[in-house]
Amino acid sequence: LPWVMAGHENSQVYSLKDSQLVTAESKVDFEFTTLQGLLELARLHPNSSLLKRTCEVFAWSMVERREIEWSVAFTAKLVDEVGWRTPALLWAYGTAWLEMLDLDEAEALAKEALELDPDHELAQTLLKRIRGEEESELESRNEHEGHEEH
């Protein structure tokens, strides 16, 4: 894990804008080698709670950065291959499917996360977004410049 995290740290590119103007999530850069390293470690040590939590944080960060392709690839392997069907990973996986407009897959994952933890707020919010009960963080079509309703 230390070499993977050192590689991740070394891949970060910081600028003045990063240090003052953007949120912490927006500062994170992802590298394929880091994610691949985490996946290999997860496969080798599926019982490691530290590694599982680290992967959950990476999955959350990818959702926040809207790194959809990487989020799906990363969380799919953790959930389906390694068997880490935690509420956090199921939420991240479901959110990526929602971004790709696969509502059925997203809803199934959100429901599974809530079966494991009925109080998981992110999974609750995801399910509401899927059902149209809560606005997405993305601006609505009507709010988009040039598309306001009059």
N, C-alpha and C. Protein backbone atom coordinates (compact mmCIF):
# COMPACT_ATOMS: atom_id res chain seq x y z
N LEU A 1 0.82 -1.21 0.00
CA LEU A 1 0.00 0.00 0.00
C LEU A 1 0.86 1.27 0.00
N PRO A 2 1.97 1.30 0.74
CA PRO A 2 2.78 2.53 0.70
C PRO A 2 3.28 2.91 -0.69
N TRP A 3 3.70 1.94 -1.51
CA TRP A 3 4.19 2.30 -2.83
C TRP A 3 3.06 2.80 -3.72
N VAL A 4 1.86 2.24 -3.56
CA VAL A 4 0.71 2.72 -4.34
C VAL A 4 0.37 4.15 -3.95
N MET A 5 0.32 4.40 -2.65
CA MET A 5 -0.03 5.75 -2.18
C MET A 5 1.07 6.76 -2.53
N ALA A 6 2.33 6.34 -2.49
CA ALA A 6 3.43 7.23 -2.89
C ALA A 6 3.31 7.56 -4.37
N GLY A 7 2.97 6.59 -5.17
CA GLY A 7 2.77 6.83 -6.60
C GLY A 7 1.62 7.78 -6.84
N HIS A 8 0.56 7.61 -6.06
CA HIS A 8 -0.60 8.51 -6.17
C HIS A 8 -0.19 9.94 -5.80
N GLU A 9 0.52 10.07 -4.71
CA GLU A 9 0.97 11.40 -4.27
C GLU A 9 1.87 12.04 -5.31
N ASN A 10 2.76 11.27 -5.89
CA ASN A 10 3.68 11.80 -6.89
C ASN A 10 2.98 12.19 -8.19
N SER A 11 1.79 11.64 -8.43
CA SER A 11 1.07 11.95 -9.67
C SER A 11 0.24 13.23 -9.56
N GLN A 12 0.16 13.79 -8.36
CA GLN A 12 -0.64 14.99 -8.17
C GLN A 12 0.09 16.21 -8.72
N VAL A 13 -0.65 17.03 -9.44
CA VAL A 13 -0.11 18.26 -10.00
C VAL A 13 -0.86 19.40 -9.35
N TYR A 14 -0.16 20.23 -8.60
CA TYR A 14 -0.80 21.33 -7.89
C TYR A 14 -0.45 22.66 -8.55
N SER A 15 -1.40 23.55 -8.52
CA SER A 15 -1.18 24.89 -9.05
C SER A 15 -1.69 25.89 -8.03
N LEU A 16 -1.48 27.15 -8.28
CA LEU A 16 -2.01 28.19 -7.40
C LEU A 16 -3.53 28.08 -7.31
N LYS A 17 -4.17 27.83 -8.43
CA LYS A 17 -5.62 27.66 -8.44
C LYS A 17 -6.02 26.51 -7.51
N ASP A 18 -5.31 25.38 -7.59
CA ASP A 18 -5.63 24.24 -6.73
C ASP A 18 -5.51 24.59 -5.26
N SER A 19 -4.51 25.39 -4.92
CA SER A 19 -4.27 25.66 -3.51
C SER A 19 -5.27 26.63 -2.91
N GLN A 20 -5.97 27.40 -3.74
CA GLN A 20 -6.84 28.43 -3.17
C GLN A 20 -8.27 28.43 -3.67
N LEU A 21 -8.52 27.96 -4.87
CA LEU A 21 -9.82 28.21 -5.47
C LEU A 21 -10.73 27.01 -5.67
N VAL A 22 -10.22 25.82 -5.56
CA VAL A 22 -11.06 24.66 -5.85
C VAL A 22 -11.21 23.77 -4.62
N THR A 23 -12.27 22.97 -4.64
CA THR A 23 -12.53 22.07 -3.52
C THR A 23 -11.47 20.97 -3.47
N ALA A 24 -11.37 20.33 -2.33
CA ALA A 24 -10.37 19.27 -2.15
C ALA A 24 -10.56 18.16 -3.18
N GLU A 25 -11.81 17.79 -3.48
CA GLU A 25 -12.06 16.71 -4.42
C GLU A 25 -11.57 17.07 -5.82
N SER A 26 -11.69 18.32 -6.19
CA SER A 26 -11.29 18.75 -7.52
C SER A 26 -9.79 18.76 -7.71
N LYS A 27 -9.05 18.66 -6.64
CA LYS A 27 -7.59 18.69 -6.71
C LYS A 27 -7.00 17.32 -7.00
N VAL A 28 -7.76 16.27 -6.82
CA VAL A 28 -7.23 14.92 -6.92
C VAL A 28 -7.10 14.51 -8.38
N ASP A 29 -5.92 14.09 -8.75
CA ASP A 29 -5.67 13.53 -10.07
C ASP A 29 -5.54 12.02 -9.92
N PHE A 30 -6.08 11.28 -10.89
CA PHE A 30 -6.01 9.83 -10.85
C PHE A 30 -5.09 9.32 -11.93
N GLU A 31 -4.37 8.28 -11.60
CA GLU A 31 -3.48 7.61 -12.54
C GLU A 31 -3.90 6.14 -12.62
N PHE A 32 -3.84 5.61 -13.81
CA PHE A 32 -4.19 4.21 -14.02
C PHE A 32 -3.35 3.29 -13.14
N THR A 33 -2.07 3.59 -13.02
CA THR A 33 -1.18 2.71 -12.24
C THR A 33 -1.58 2.67 -10.77
N THR A 34 -2.06 3.80 -10.24
CA THR A 34 -2.49 3.82 -8.84
C THR A 34 -3.72 2.95 -8.66
N LEU A 35 -4.71 3.12 -9.53
CA LEU A 35 -5.94 2.33 -9.43
C LEU A 35 -5.64 0.85 -9.65
N GLN A 36 -4.78 0.55 -10.61
CA GLN A 36 -4.41 -0.84 -10.87
C GLN A 36 -3.70 -1.43 -9.65
N GLY A 37 -2.83 -0.65 -9.02
CA GLY A 37 -2.15 -1.11 -7.82
C GLY A 37 -3.12 -1.40 -6.69
N LEU A 38 -4.09 -0.52 -6.50
CA LEU A 38 -5.11 -0.76 -5.46
C LEU A 38 -5.92 -2.01 -5.75
N LEU A 39 -6.28 -2.22 -7.01
CA LEU A 39 -7.04 -3.41 -7.38
C LEU A 39 -6.23 -4.69 -7.14
N GLU A 40 -4.96 -4.66 -7.50
CA GLU A 40 -4.11 -5.83 -7.27
C GLU A 40 -3.98 -6.13 -5.78
N LEU A 41 -3.80 -5.09 -4.98
CA LEU A 41 -3.73 -5.28 -3.53
C LEU A 41 -5.04 -5.82 -2.98
N ALA A 42 -6.16 -5.31 -3.49
CA ALA A 42 -7.47 -5.78 -3.03
C ALA A 42 -7.65 -7.26 -3.35
N ARG A 43 -7.21 -7.65 -4.53
CA ARG A 43 -7.31 -9.07 -4.90
C ARG A 43 -6.43 -9.94 -4.00
N LEU A 44 -5.26 -9.43 -3.65
CA LEU A 44 -4.34 -10.19 -2.80
C LEU A 44 -4.75 -10.20 -1.33
N HIS A 45 -5.42 -9.13 -0.89
CA HIS A 45 -5.77 -8.98 0.53
C HIS A 45 -7.24 -8.59 0.69
N PRO A 46 -8.15 -9.47 0.30
CA PRO A 46 -9.58 -9.11 0.34
C PRO A 46 -10.13 -8.92 1.76
N ASN A 47 -9.38 -9.30 2.78
CA ASN A 47 -9.86 -9.15 4.16
C ASN A 47 -9.31 -7.91 4.85
N SER A 48 -8.57 -7.09 4.13
CA SER A 48 -7.96 -5.91 4.73
C SER A 48 -8.98 -4.76 4.83
N SER A 49 -9.34 -4.42 6.05
CA SER A 49 -10.30 -3.32 6.25
C SER A 49 -9.67 -1.97 5.89
N LEU A 50 -8.36 -1.82 6.14
CA LEU A 50 -7.68 -0.57 5.76
C LEU A 50 -7.70 -0.38 4.25
N LEU A 51 -7.40 -1.42 3.53
CA LEU A 51 -7.39 -1.36 2.07
C LEU A 51 -8.80 -1.11 1.53
N LYS A 52 -9.77 -1.78 2.12
CA LYS A 52 -11.16 -1.59 1.70
C LYS A 52 -11.58 -0.14 1.89
N ARG A 53 -11.26 0.43 3.03
CA ARG A 53 -11.62 1.83 3.31
C ARG A 53 -10.88 2.77 2.36
N THR A 54 -9.62 2.48 2.07
CA THR A 54 -8.86 3.30 1.12
C THR A 54 -9.52 3.28 -0.25
N CYS A 55 -9.95 2.11 -0.69
CA CYS A 55 -10.62 2.00 -1.99
C CYS A 55 -11.96 2.72 -1.99
N GLU A 56 -12.67 2.69 -0.87
CA GLU A 56 -13.93 3.43 -0.77
C GLU A 56 -13.70 4.92 -0.94
N VAL A 57 -12.63 5.43 -0.34
CA VAL A 57 -12.30 6.85 -0.46
C VAL A 57 -11.94 7.20 -1.90
N PHE A 58 -11.16 6.35 -2.54
CA PHE A 58 -10.82 6.58 -3.95
C PHE A 58 -12.08 6.56 -4.81
N ALA A 59 -12.98 5.61 -4.57
CA ALA A 59 -14.22 5.53 -5.34
C ALA A 59 -15.06 6.80 -5.14
N TRP A 60 -15.15 7.27 -3.90
CA TRP A 60 -15.90 8.50 -3.61
C TRP A 60 -15.28 9.68 -4.35
N SER A 61 -13.96 9.77 -4.33
CA SER A 61 -13.27 10.86 -5.01
C SER A 61 -13.51 10.83 -6.51
N MET A 62 -13.54 9.63 -7.10
CA MET A 62 -13.80 9.53 -8.54
C MET A 62 -15.20 10.00 -8.88
N VAL A 63 -16.16 9.70 -8.01
CA VAL A 63 -17.53 10.19 -8.23
C VAL A 63 -17.54 11.71 -8.15
N GLU A 64 -16.89 12.25 -7.14
CA GLU A 64 -16.85 13.70 -6.98
C GLU A 64 -16.18 14.39 -8.17
N ARG A 65 -15.19 13.75 -8.74
CA ARG A 65 -14.48 14.30 -9.90
C ARG A 65 -15.19 13.99 -11.21
N ARG A 66 -16.21 13.15 -11.14
CA ARG A 66 -16.97 12.72 -12.31
C ARG A 66 -16.08 11.98 -13.31
N GLU A 67 -15.21 11.15 -12.76
CA GLU A 67 -14.37 10.27 -13.57
C GLU A 67 -15.16 8.98 -13.79
N ILE A 68 -16.17 9.06 -14.63
CA ILE A 68 -17.17 8.00 -14.74
C ILE A 68 -16.59 6.69 -15.25
N GLU A 69 -15.85 6.72 -16.34
CA GLU A 69 -15.31 5.47 -16.89
C GLU A 69 -14.41 4.76 -15.88
N TRP A 70 -13.54 5.53 -15.25
CA TRP A 70 -12.64 4.92 -14.27
C TRP A 70 -13.41 4.47 -13.04
N SER A 71 -14.42 5.23 -12.66
CA SER A 71 -15.23 4.86 -11.50
C SER A 71 -15.92 3.52 -11.74
N VAL A 72 -16.51 3.36 -12.91
CA VAL A 72 -17.19 2.10 -13.22
C VAL A 72 -16.19 0.95 -13.24
N ALA A 73 -15.08 1.14 -13.92
CA ALA A 73 -14.09 0.06 -14.04
C ALA A 73 -13.53 -0.32 -12.67
N PHE A 74 -13.20 0.67 -11.87
CA PHE A 74 -12.61 0.44 -10.55
C PHE A 74 -13.60 -0.21 -9.60
N THR A 75 -14.78 0.39 -9.46
CA THR A 75 -15.75 -0.14 -8.50
C THR A 75 -16.32 -1.47 -8.95
N ALA A 76 -16.47 -1.68 -10.26
CA ALA A 76 -17.00 -2.97 -10.75
C ALA A 76 -16.11 -4.11 -10.30
N LYS A 77 -14.81 -3.92 -10.43
CA LYS A 77 -13.88 -4.99 -10.03
C LYS A 77 -13.87 -5.19 -8.51
N LEU A 78 -13.94 -4.10 -7.77
CA LEU A 78 -13.97 -4.23 -6.31
C LEU A 78 -15.24 -4.92 -5.84
N VAL A 79 -16.37 -4.54 -6.43
CA VAL A 79 -17.66 -5.09 -6.03
C VAL A 79 -17.84 -6.51 -6.54
N ASP A 80 -17.63 -6.70 -7.84
CA ASP A 80 -17.95 -7.98 -8.46
C ASP A 80 -16.85 -9.03 -8.34
N GLU A 81 -15.58 -8.62 -8.47
CA GLU A 81 -14.49 -9.60 -8.41
C GLU A 81 -14.00 -9.84 -6.99
N VAL A 82 -13.73 -8.75 -6.27
CA VAL A 82 -13.19 -8.88 -4.91
C VAL A 82 -14.30 -9.22 -3.92
N GLY A 83 -15.52 -8.80 -4.24
CA GLY A 83 -16.66 -9.10 -3.36
C GLY A 83 -16.90 -8.07 -2.28
N TRP A 84 -16.35 -6.89 -2.46
CA TRP A 84 -16.55 -5.82 -1.47
C TRP A 84 -17.84 -5.08 -1.79
N ARG A 85 -18.94 -5.64 -1.37
CA ARG A 85 -20.26 -5.05 -1.62
C ARG A 85 -20.64 -4.18 -0.42
N THR A 86 -19.83 -3.15 -0.21
CA THR A 86 -20.08 -2.23 0.90
C THR A 86 -21.01 -1.13 0.42
N PRO A 87 -21.76 -0.50 1.34
CA PRO A 87 -22.64 0.59 0.92
C PRO A 87 -21.89 1.70 0.16
N ALA A 88 -20.69 2.03 0.59
CA ALA A 88 -19.93 3.10 -0.07
C ALA A 88 -19.57 2.73 -1.50
N LEU A 89 -19.10 1.52 -1.71
CA LEU A 89 -18.73 1.10 -3.07
C LEU A 89 -19.96 0.89 -3.95
N LEU A 90 -21.02 0.36 -3.38
CA LEU A 90 -22.26 0.20 -4.14
C LEU A 90 -22.83 1.55 -4.56
N TRP A 91 -22.76 2.53 -3.65
CA TRP A 91 -23.20 3.89 -3.99
C TRP A 91 -22.36 4.47 -5.12
N ALA A 92 -21.04 4.34 -5.03
CA ALA A 92 -20.16 4.88 -6.08
C ALA A 92 -20.45 4.21 -7.42
N TYR A 93 -20.60 2.92 -7.39
CA TYR A 93 -20.89 2.15 -8.61
C TYR A 93 -22.25 2.58 -9.17
N GLY A 94 -23.24 2.68 -8.31
CA GLY A 94 -24.58 3.10 -8.74
C GLY A 94 -24.59 4.52 -9.29
N THR A 95 -23.84 5.41 -8.68
CA THR A 95 -23.77 6.79 -9.15
C THR A 95 -23.16 6.85 -10.55
N ALA A 96 -22.14 6.05 -10.78
CA ALA A 96 -21.53 6.00 -12.11
C ALA A 96 -22.54 5.49 -13.14
N TRP A 97 -23.32 4.48 -12.77
CA TRP A 97 -24.33 3.98 -13.70
C TRP A 97 -25.40 5.03 -13.96
N LEU A 98 -25.76 5.81 -12.95
CA LEU A 98 -26.72 6.89 -13.16
C LEU A 98 -26.16 7.91 -14.15
N GLU A 99 -24.89 8.24 -14.00
CA GLU A 99 -24.25 9.18 -14.92
C GLU A 99 -24.27 8.65 -16.36
N MET A 100 -24.24 7.33 -16.50
CA MET A 100 -24.29 6.73 -17.83
C MET A 100 -25.73 6.43 -18.27
N LEU A 101 -26.67 6.91 -17.46
CA LEU A 101 -28.11 6.82 -17.74
C LEU A 101 -28.65 5.40 -17.74
N ASP A 102 -28.04 4.51 -16.99
CA ASP A 102 -28.58 3.17 -16.79
C ASP A 102 -29.28 3.17 -15.44
N LEU A 103 -30.55 3.60 -15.45
CA LEU A 103 -31.29 3.78 -14.21
C LEU A 103 -31.58 2.48 -13.49
N ASP A 104 -31.81 1.41 -14.24
CA ASP A 104 -32.11 0.12 -13.60
C ASP A 104 -30.91 -0.39 -12.80
N GLU A 105 -29.73 -0.34 -13.42
CA GLU A 105 -28.51 -0.80 -12.72
C GLU A 105 -28.22 0.10 -11.52
N ALA A 106 -28.37 1.41 -11.71
CA ALA A 106 -28.11 2.36 -10.62
C ALA A 106 -29.07 2.12 -9.46
N GLU A 107 -30.34 1.90 -9.78
CA GLU A 107 -31.34 1.68 -8.72
C GLU A 107 -31.07 0.38 -7.97
N ALA A 108 -30.71 -0.67 -8.68
CA ALA A 108 -30.43 -1.94 -8.02
C ALA A 108 -29.26 -1.80 -7.04
N LEU A 109 -28.23 -1.07 -7.43
CA LEU A 109 -27.08 -0.88 -6.55
C LEU A 109 -27.42 0.01 -5.36
N ALA A 110 -28.21 1.05 -5.58
CA ALA A 110 -28.63 1.92 -4.48
C ALA A 110 -29.47 1.12 -3.47
N LYS A 111 -30.37 0.30 -3.97
CA LYS A 111 -31.21 -0.51 -3.08
C LYS A 111 -30.37 -1.51 -2.28
N GLU A 112 -29.39 -2.11 -2.94
CA GLU A 112 -28.52 -3.05 -2.23
C GLU A 112 -27.74 -2.35 -1.13
N ALA A 113 -27.24 -1.15 -1.44
CA ALA A 113 -26.51 -0.37 -0.42
C ALA A 113 -27.43 -0.08 0.76
N LEU A 114 -28.68 0.26 0.49
CA LEU A 114 -29.63 0.58 1.57
C LEU A 114 -30.07 -0.67 2.34
N GLU A 115 -30.05 -1.82 1.71
CA GLU A 115 -30.33 -3.06 2.44
C GLU A 115 -29.24 -3.31 3.48
N LEU A 116 -28.00 -3.00 3.10
CA LEU A 116 -26.87 -3.19 4.02
C LEU A 116 -26.84 -2.12 5.11
N ASP A 117 -27.21 -0.89 4.74
CA ASP A 117 -27.20 0.22 5.68
C ASP A 117 -28.34 1.18 5.33
N PRO A 118 -29.52 0.98 5.96
CA PRO A 118 -30.68 1.82 5.65
C PRO A 118 -30.45 3.31 5.90
N ASP A 119 -29.47 3.66 6.70
CA ASP A 119 -29.19 5.06 7.02
C ASP A 119 -28.11 5.67 6.14
N HIS A 120 -27.65 4.96 5.13
CA HIS A 120 -26.59 5.47 4.26
C HIS A 120 -27.14 6.64 3.43
N GLU A 121 -26.77 7.85 3.83
CA GLU A 121 -27.35 9.06 3.24
C GLU A 121 -27.05 9.20 1.75
N LEU A 122 -25.85 8.86 1.33
CA LEU A 122 -25.52 8.98 -0.09
C LEU A 122 -26.36 8.03 -0.94
N ALA A 123 -26.58 6.82 -0.45
CA ALA A 123 -27.42 5.87 -1.18
C ALA A 123 -28.87 6.32 -1.18
N GLN A 124 -29.34 6.90 -0.08
CA GLN A 124 -30.69 7.46 -0.04
C GLN A 124 -30.85 8.56 -1.09
N THR A 125 -29.87 9.45 -1.16
CA THR A 125 -29.90 10.54 -2.12
C THR A 125 -29.84 10.01 -3.54
N LEU A 126 -29.01 9.00 -3.78
CA LEU A 126 -28.91 8.40 -5.11
C LEU A 126 -30.27 7.84 -5.53
N LEU A 127 -30.93 7.12 -4.66
CA LEU A 127 -32.23 6.54 -4.98
C LEU A 127 -33.25 7.64 -5.29
N LYS A 128 -33.22 8.72 -4.53
CA LYS A 128 -34.13 9.84 -4.80
C LYS A 128 -33.84 10.48 -6.16
N ARG A 129 -32.56 10.62 -6.49
CA ARG A 129 -32.18 11.18 -7.80
C ARG A 129 -32.67 10.28 -8.93
N ILE A 130 -32.52 8.98 -8.76
CA ILE A 130 -32.94 8.02 -9.79
C ILE A 130 -34.45 8.13 -10.00
N ARG A 131 -35.17 8.28 -8.93
CA ARG A 131 -36.63 8.35 -9.00
C ARG A 131 -37.15 9.76 -9.32
N GLY A 132 -36.24 10.71 -9.47
CA GLY A 132 -36.63 12.07 -9.80
C GLY A 132 -37.19 12.85 -8.64
N GLU A 133 -36.96 12.36 -7.42
CA GLU A 133 -37.47 13.02 -6.22
C GLU A 133 -36.53 14.10 -5.72
N GLU A 134 -35.31 14.12 -6.25
CA GLU A 134 -34.33 15.12 -5.83
C GLU A 134 -33.55 15.55 -7.05
N GLU A 135 -33.31 16.85 -7.14
CA GLU A 135 -32.54 17.37 -8.27
C GLU A 135 -31.12 16.84 -8.25
N SER A 136 -30.63 16.56 -9.41
CA SER A 136 -29.24 16.16 -9.57
C SER A 136 -28.35 17.35 -9.29
N GLU A 137 -27.08 17.07 -8.98
CA GLU A 137 -26.12 18.15 -8.81
C GLU A 137 -25.84 18.82 -10.14
N LEU A 138 -26.17 18.13 -11.23
CA LEU A 138 -26.00 18.72 -12.54
C LEU A 138 -27.13 19.73 -12.75
N GLU A 139 -26.85 20.79 -13.48
CA GLU A 139 -27.91 21.75 -13.70
C GLU A 139 -28.97 21.13 -14.58
N SER A 140 -30.21 21.48 -14.32
CA SER A 140 -31.30 20.92 -15.11
C SER A 140 -31.27 21.53 -16.51
N ARG A 141 -31.93 20.87 -17.41
CA ARG A 141 -32.00 21.36 -18.78
C ARG A 141 -32.60 22.76 -18.82
N ASN A 142 -33.61 23.03 -17.98
CA ASN A 142 -34.26 24.34 -17.95
C ASN A 142 -33.35 25.43 -17.39
N GLU A 143 -32.41 25.06 -16.55
CA GLU A 143 -31.51 26.04 -15.97
C GLU A 143 -30.34 26.36 -16.88
N HIS A 144 -30.11 25.50 -17.86
CA HIS A 144 -28.98 25.70 -18.76
C HIS A 144 -29.16 26.98 -19.56
N GLU A 145 -28.11 27.72 -19.70
CA GLU A 145 -28.16 28.99 -20.41
C GLU A 145 -28.82 28.82 -21.77
N GLY A 146 -29.78 29.69 -22.06
CA GLY A 146 -30.48 29.64 -23.33
C GLY A 146 -31.68 28.73 -23.34
N HIS A 147 -31.92 28.04 -22.23
CA HIS A 147 -33.05 27.12 -22.16
C HIS A 147 -33.99 27.46 -21.02
N GLU A 148 -33.90 28.69 -20.50
CA GLU A 148 -34.79 29.03 -19.39
C GLU A 148 -36.23 29.06 -19.88
N GLU A 149 -37.12 28.64 -19.01
CA GLU A 149 -38.55 28.70 -19.36
C GLU A 149 -39.01 30.13 -19.18
N HIS A 150 -39.83 30.59 -20.10
CA HIS A 150 -40.39 31.95 -20.00
C HIS A 150 -41.88 31.88 -19.95
